[in-house]
Amino acid sequence: MSKIHSYPSWEAKFEANSYGFRPGRSCQDAIEQVWIRLQDGRDEWVLDADIKGAFDNINHEFILKAIGNVPGRELIKQWLKAGYVEAEVFHPTESGTPQGGIISPLLANIALDGLDELLGEYYRTVTFTRKGKYRTGQKKKRKVSKYGFIRYADDFLITASTKEDIEAILPVIKEWLKQKD
């Protein structure tokens, strides 16, 4: 069976800092993004998270609502409910998607899409001195994202400049993940 028809449309929507199971993206790209966030003291604190049982607990109704009425929707619904056979015993699937299944990576990316956008709602103001040919030495202020975000499959890092920022965002992330259950 070929890839589901909606994959290219989802690929266009996925967040820039999501690297797992995506064409043209690798773990080296994720490592590079971590380096960018941590260089020169930009961020000094890291929240390292692995969503325990992410593949096993993907909410089928959430996924079906997220994908909407795309070609292949009924096929995806059937895959979600197909179950699996182990040691000649059939196990029905009530939630989740088998890790390693053909559609699992796409469904995990769909389920976890949006966390980078959520973190982007939090800003800090930085002051910098302009350099270059024009207006050199002029002081400027700009808003920058308070958090860095790098995700590879069900593992992700959130970076911040202070421990307090990491502690403040943790309950927000937990609440966001509960909505996916």
C-alpha atoms as a PDB file:
ATOM      1  CA  MET A   1       0.000   0.000   0.000  1.00  0.00           C
ATOM      2  CA  SER A   2       1.333   3.433  -0.896  1.00  0.00           C
ATOM      3  CA  LYS A   3       1.556   6.446   1.389  1.00  0.00           C
ATOM      4  CA  ILE A   4      -1.777   7.991   2.253  1.00  0.00           C
ATOM      5  CA  HIS A   5      -2.954  10.723  -0.090  1.00  0.00           C
ATOM      6  CA  SER A   6      -2.949  13.448   2.559  1.00  0.00           C
ATOM      7  CA  TYR A   7       0.735  13.119   3.465  1.00  0.00           C
ATOM      8  CA  PRO A   8       2.024  15.928   1.189  1.00  0.00           C
ATOM      9  CA  SER A   9      -0.614  18.308   2.521  1.00  0.00           C
ATOM     10  CA  TRP A  10       0.361  17.472   6.110  1.00  0.00           C
ATOM     11  CA  GLU A  11       4.046  17.817   5.304  1.00  0.00           C
ATOM     12  CA  ALA A  12       3.384  21.383   4.177  1.00  0.00           C
ATOM     13  CA  LYS A  13       1.672  22.148   7.518  1.00  0.00           C
ATOM     14  CA  PHE A  14       4.102  20.489   9.930  1.00  0.00           C
ATOM     15  CA  GLU A  15       6.229  22.700  12.131  1.00  0.00           C
ATOM     16  CA  ALA A  16       9.753  23.598  11.087  1.00  0.00           C
ATOM     17  CA  ASN A  17      11.396  22.096  14.172  1.00  0.00           C
ATOM     18  CA  SER A  18       9.793  18.659  13.840  1.00  0.00           C
ATOM     19  CA  TYR A  19      12.357  16.258  12.403  1.00  0.00           C
ATOM     20  CA  GLY A  20      11.313  12.644  12.944  1.00  0.00           C
ATOM     21  CA  PHE A  21       9.935  10.609  10.052  1.00  0.00           C
ATOM     22  CA  ARG A  22       9.898  13.463   7.570  1.00  0.00           C
ATOM     23  CA  PRO A  23      11.425  13.506   4.115  1.00  0.00           C
ATOM     24  CA  GLY A  24      14.624  15.513   3.849  1.00  0.00           C
ATOM     25  CA  ARG A  25      15.018  15.797   7.631  1.00  0.00           C
ATOM     26  CA  SER A  26      17.326  13.777   9.802  1.00  0.00           C
ATOM     27  CA  CYS A  27      18.500  13.473  13.370  1.00  0.00           C
ATOM     28  CA  GLN A  28      21.559  15.524  12.329  1.00  0.00           C
ATOM     29  CA  ASP A  29      19.192  18.398  11.464  1.00  0.00           C
ATOM     30  CA  ALA A  30      17.648  18.141  14.931  1.00  0.00           C
ATOM     31  CA  ILE A  31      21.119  18.125  16.520  1.00  0.00           C
ATOM     32  CA  GLU A  32      22.060  21.229  14.527  1.00  0.00           C
ATOM     33  CA  GLN A  33      18.959  23.044  15.788  1.00  0.00           C
ATOM     34  CA  VAL A  34      19.868  22.144  19.379  1.00  0.00           C
ATOM     35  CA  TRP A  35      23.375  23.551  18.775  1.00  0.00           C
ATOM     36  CA  ILE A  36      21.897  26.775  17.366  1.00  0.00           C
ATOM     37  CA  ARG A  37      19.671  27.233  20.427  1.00  0.00           C
ATOM     38  CA  LEU A  38      22.497  26.585  22.907  1.00  0.00           C
ATOM     39  CA  GLN A  39      25.387  28.435  21.275  1.00  0.00           C
ATOM     40  CA  ASP A  40      26.821  31.552  22.858  1.00  0.00           C
ATOM     41  CA  GLY A  41      24.577  31.240  25.929  1.00  0.00           C
ATOM     42  CA  ARG A  42      21.398  31.959  23.926  1.00  0.00           C
ATOM     43  CA  ASP A  43      19.568  29.333  25.961  1.00  0.00           C
ATOM     44  CA  GLU A  44      21.063  27.591  28.959  1.00  0.00           C
ATOM     45  CA  TRP A  45      18.228  25.393  30.232  1.00  0.00           C
ATOM     46  CA  VAL A  46      16.793  22.320  28.523  1.00  0.00           C
ATOM     47  CA  LEU A  47      13.650  20.321  29.197  1.00  0.00           C
ATOM     48  CA  ASP A  48      14.193  16.846  27.741  1.00  0.00           C
ATOM     49  CA  ALA A  49      10.894  15.049  27.232  1.00  0.00           C
ATOM     50  CA  ASP A  50       9.947  11.654  25.889  1.00  0.00           C
ATOM     51  CA  ILE A  51       6.208  11.188  25.664  1.00  0.00           C
ATOM     52  CA  LYS A  52       5.814   7.838  27.359  1.00  0.00           C
ATOM     53  CA  GLY A  53       3.672   5.509  25.302  1.00  0.00           C
ATOM     54  CA  ALA A  54       3.037   8.175  22.653  1.00  0.00           C
ATOM     55  CA  PHE A  55       2.409   5.655  19.894  1.00  0.00           C
ATOM     56  CA  ASP A  56       0.384   3.396  22.205  1.00  0.00           C
ATOM     57  CA  ASN A  57      -1.931   6.162  23.376  1.00  0.00           C
ATOM     58  CA  ILE A  58      -2.725   8.215  20.289  1.00  0.00           C
ATOM     59  CA  ASN A  59      -6.409   9.055  20.533  1.00  0.00           C
ATOM     60  CA  HIS A  60      -8.183   7.759  17.432  1.00  0.00           C
ATOM     61  CA  GLU A  61     -10.978  10.326  17.585  1.00  0.00           C
ATOM     62  CA  PHE A  62      -8.464  13.155  17.907  1.00  0.00           C
ATOM     63  CA  ILE A  63      -6.594  11.908  14.814  1.00  0.00           C
ATOM     64  CA  LEU A  64      -9.766  11.500  12.756  1.00  0.00           C
ATOM     65  CA  LYS A  65     -10.897  15.000  13.717  1.00  0.00           C
ATOM     66  CA  ALA A  66      -7.448  16.436  12.926  1.00  0.00           C
ATOM     67  CA  ILE A  67      -7.253  14.893   9.456  1.00  0.00           C
ATOM     68  CA  GLY A  68     -10.783  15.929   8.520  1.00  0.00           C
ATOM     69  CA  ASN A  69     -12.349  14.710   5.305  1.00  0.00           C
ATOM     70  CA  VAL A  70      -9.278  13.796   3.286  1.00  0.00           C
ATOM     71  CA  PRO A  71      -8.997  11.105   0.643  1.00  0.00           C
ATOM     72  CA  GLY A  72      -8.126   7.886   2.459  1.00  0.00           C
ATOM     73  CA  ARG A  73      -9.887   8.865   5.698  1.00  0.00           C
ATOM     74  CA  GLU A  74     -11.826   5.597   5.889  1.00  0.00           C
ATOM     75  CA  LEU A  75      -8.646   3.640   5.212  1.00  0.00           C
ATOM     76  CA  ILE A  76      -6.905   5.456   8.076  1.00  0.00           C
ATOM     77  CA  LYS A  77      -9.875   4.735  10.334  1.00  0.00           C
ATOM     78  CA  GLN A  78      -9.599   1.035   9.452  1.00  0.00           C
ATOM     79  CA  TRP A  79      -5.837   1.029  10.098  1.00  0.00           C
ATOM     80  CA  LEU A  80      -6.397   2.596  13.498  1.00  0.00           C
ATOM     81  CA  LYS A  81      -8.822  -0.162  14.477  1.00  0.00           C
ATOM     82  CA  ALA A  82      -7.071  -3.069  12.716  1.00  0.00           C
ATOM     83  CA  GLY A  83      -5.325  -4.516  15.776  1.00  0.00           C
ATOM     84  CA  TYR A  84      -2.392  -6.901  15.568  1.00  0.00           C
ATOM     85  CA  VAL A  85      -1.523 -10.576  15.912  1.00  0.00           C
ATOM     86  CA  GLU A  86       1.165 -11.734  18.321  1.00  0.00           C
ATOM     87  CA  ALA A  87       1.918 -15.389  19.070  1.00  0.00           C
ATOM     88  CA  GLU A  88      -1.145 -16.324  17.009  1.00  0.00           C
ATOM     89  CA  VAL A  89      -3.414 -14.243  19.264  1.00  0.00           C
ATOM     90  CA  PHE A  90      -5.382 -11.287  17.863  1.00  0.00           C
ATOM     91  CA  HIS A  91      -5.211  -8.083  19.954  1.00  0.00           C
ATOM     92  CA  PRO A  92      -7.785  -5.403  19.092  1.00  0.00           C
ATOM     93  CA  THR A  93      -6.665  -1.778  18.962  1.00  0.00           C
ATOM     94  CA  GLU A  94      -8.715   0.556  21.150  1.00  0.00           C
ATOM     95  CA  SER A  95      -6.221   3.418  21.115  1.00  0.00           C
ATOM     96  CA  GLY A  96      -2.817   4.160  19.723  1.00  0.00           C
ATOM     97  CA  THR A  97      -1.033   2.929  16.669  1.00  0.00           C
ATOM     98  CA  PRO A  98       1.653   0.255  16.643  1.00  0.00           C
ATOM     99  CA  GLN A  99       5.144   1.738  16.739  1.00  0.00           C
ATOM    100  CA  GLY A 100       6.795   0.608  13.535  1.00  0.00           C
ATOM    101  CA  GLY A 101       3.491   0.432  11.661  1.00  0.00           C
ATOM    102  CA  ILE A 102       3.456   1.953   8.190  1.00  0.00           C
ATOM    103  CA  ILE A 103       1.200   4.837   9.168  1.00  0.00           C
ATOM    104  CA  SER A 104       2.378   5.329  12.761  1.00  0.00           C
ATOM    105  CA  PRO A 105       5.005   8.005  12.066  1.00  0.00           C
ATOM    106  CA  LEU A 106       2.552  10.199  10.168  1.00  0.00           C
ATOM    107  CA  LEU A 107      -0.146   9.807  12.821  1.00  0.00           C
ATOM    108  CA  ALA A 108       2.322  10.618  15.619  1.00  0.00           C
ATOM    109  CA  ASN A 109       3.427  13.745  13.767  1.00  0.00           C
ATOM    110  CA  ILE A 110      -0.205  14.781  13.264  1.00  0.00           C
ATOM    111  CA  ALA A 111      -1.000  14.196  16.947  1.00  0.00           C
ATOM    112  CA  LEU A 112       1.987  16.192  18.197  1.00  0.00           C
ATOM    113  CA  ASP A 113       1.808  19.009  15.663  1.00  0.00           C
ATOM    114  CA  GLY A 114       1.095  22.375  17.274  1.00  0.00           C
ATOM    115  CA  LEU A 115       3.424  22.366  20.278  1.00  0.00           C
ATOM    116  CA  ASP A 116       5.921  24.646  18.541  1.00  0.00           C
ATOM    117  CA  GLU A 117       3.080  27.048  17.733  1.00  0.00           C
ATOM    118  CA  LEU A 118       1.962  27.010  21.378  1.00  0.00           C
ATOM    119  CA  LEU A 119       5.480  27.839  22.576  1.00  0.00           C
ATOM    120  CA  GLY A 120       5.685  30.620  19.998  1.00  0.00           C
ATOM    121  CA  GLU A 121       3.018  32.517  21.931  1.00  0.00           C
ATOM    122  CA  TYR A 122       5.579  33.283  24.660  1.00  0.00           C
ATOM    123  CA  TYR A 123       8.020  36.117  23.989  1.00  0.00           C
ATOM    124  CA  ARG A 124      10.716  38.117  25.692  1.00  0.00           C
ATOM    125  CA  THR A 125      12.033  41.513  24.663  1.00  0.00           C
ATOM    126  CA  VAL A 126      15.713  41.860  23.904  1.00  0.00           C
ATOM    127  CA  THR A 127      17.745  45.006  23.333  1.00  0.00           C
ATOM    128  CA  PHE A 128      20.499  44.952  20.768  1.00  0.00           C
ATOM    129  CA  THR A 129      22.868  47.415  19.136  1.00  0.00           C
ATOM    130  CA  ARG A 130      22.681  47.659  15.380  1.00  0.00           C
ATOM    131  CA  LYS A 131      25.821  46.789  13.476  1.00  0.00           C
ATOM    132  CA  GLY A 132      26.569  47.233   9.845  1.00  0.00           C
ATOM    133  CA  LYS A 133      26.653  49.917   7.230  1.00  0.00           C
ATOM    134  CA  TYR A 134      23.601  51.940   8.319  1.00  0.00           C
ATOM    135  CA  ARG A 135      22.450  53.105  11.760  1.00  0.00           C
ATOM    136  CA  THR A 136      25.447  51.530  13.487  1.00  0.00           C
ATOM    137  CA  GLY A 137      25.283  51.862  17.255  1.00  0.00           C
ATOM    138  CA  GLN A 138      21.530  52.487  17.344  1.00  0.00           C
ATOM    139  CA  LYS A 139      19.761  50.631  20.169  1.00  0.00           C
ATOM    140  CA  LYS A 140      16.747  48.558  19.138  1.00  0.00           C
ATOM    141  CA  LYS A 141      14.306  46.304  20.925  1.00  0.00           C
ATOM    142  CA  ARG A 142      12.584  43.295  19.465  1.00  0.00           C
ATOM    143  CA  LYS A 143      10.473  40.396  20.599  1.00  0.00           C
ATOM    144  CA  VAL A 144      11.989  36.945  20.357  1.00  0.00           C
ATOM    145  CA  SER A 145      10.569  33.581  21.235  1.00  0.00           C
ATOM    146  CA  LYS A 146      11.195  32.685  24.851  1.00  0.00           C
ATOM    147  CA  TYR A 147      11.463  28.986  24.003  1.00  0.00           C
ATOM    148  CA  GLY A 148      13.304  26.838  21.545  1.00  0.00           C
ATOM    149  CA  PHE A 149      11.630  23.629  20.395  1.00  0.00           C
ATOM    150  CA  ILE A 150      13.107  20.576  18.712  1.00  0.00           C
ATOM    151  CA  ARG A 151      11.063  17.379  18.194  1.00  0.00           C
ATOM    152  CA  TYR A 152      12.095  14.030  16.799  1.00  0.00           C
ATOM    153  CA  ALA A 153       9.179  11.569  16.791  1.00  0.00           C
ATOM    154  CA  ASP A 154       7.885  11.380  20.389  1.00  0.00           C
ATOM    155  CA  ASP A 155      11.006  12.938  21.927  1.00  0.00           C
ATOM    156  CA  PHE A 156      11.384  16.676  22.230  1.00  0.00           C
ATOM    157  CA  LEU A 157      13.523  19.360  23.799  1.00  0.00           C
ATOM    158  CA  ILE A 158      12.429  22.772  24.957  1.00  0.00           C
ATOM    159  CA  THR A 159      15.159  25.292  25.599  1.00  0.00           C
ATOM    160  CA  ALA A 160      14.998  28.542  27.553  1.00  0.00           C
ATOM    161  CA  SER A 161      17.349  31.071  29.046  1.00  0.00           C
ATOM    162  CA  THR A 162      16.237  30.481  32.652  1.00  0.00           C
ATOM    163  CA  LYS A 163      15.186  27.625  34.886  1.00  0.00           C
ATOM    164  CA  GLU A 164      12.096  29.645  35.840  1.00  0.00           C
ATOM    165  CA  ASP A 165      11.011  29.783  32.189  1.00  0.00           C
ATOM    166  CA  ILE A 166      11.264  25.979  31.915  1.00  0.00           C
ATOM    167  CA  GLU A 167       9.337  25.508  35.168  1.00  0.00           C
ATOM    168  CA  ALA A 168       6.650  27.951  34.008  1.00  0.00           C
ATOM    169  CA  ILE A 169       6.033  26.209  30.675  1.00  0.00           C
ATOM    170  CA  LEU A 170       5.903  22.651  32.037  1.00  0.00           C
ATOM    171  CA  PRO A 171       2.259  22.807  33.247  1.00  0.00           C
ATOM    172  CA  VAL A 172       1.252  24.424  29.941  1.00  0.00           C
ATOM    173  CA  ILE A 173       2.817  21.533  28.002  1.00  0.00           C
ATOM    174  CA  LYS A 174       1.200  18.936  30.254  1.00  0.00           C
ATOM    175  CA  GLU A 175      -2.206  20.535  29.704  1.00  0.00           C
ATOM    176  CA  TRP A 176      -1.643  20.672  25.928  1.00  0.00           C
ATOM    177  CA  LEU A 177      -0.707  16.980  25.866  1.00  0.00           C
ATOM    178  CA  LYS A 178      -3.830  16.048  27.877  1.00  0.00           C
ATOM    179  CA  GLN A 179      -5.943  17.429  25.030  1.00  0.00           C
ATOM    180  CA  LYS A 180      -4.385  14.790  22.768  1.00  0.00           C
ATOM    181  CA  ASP A 181      -5.527  11.894  25.005  1.00  0.00           C
END
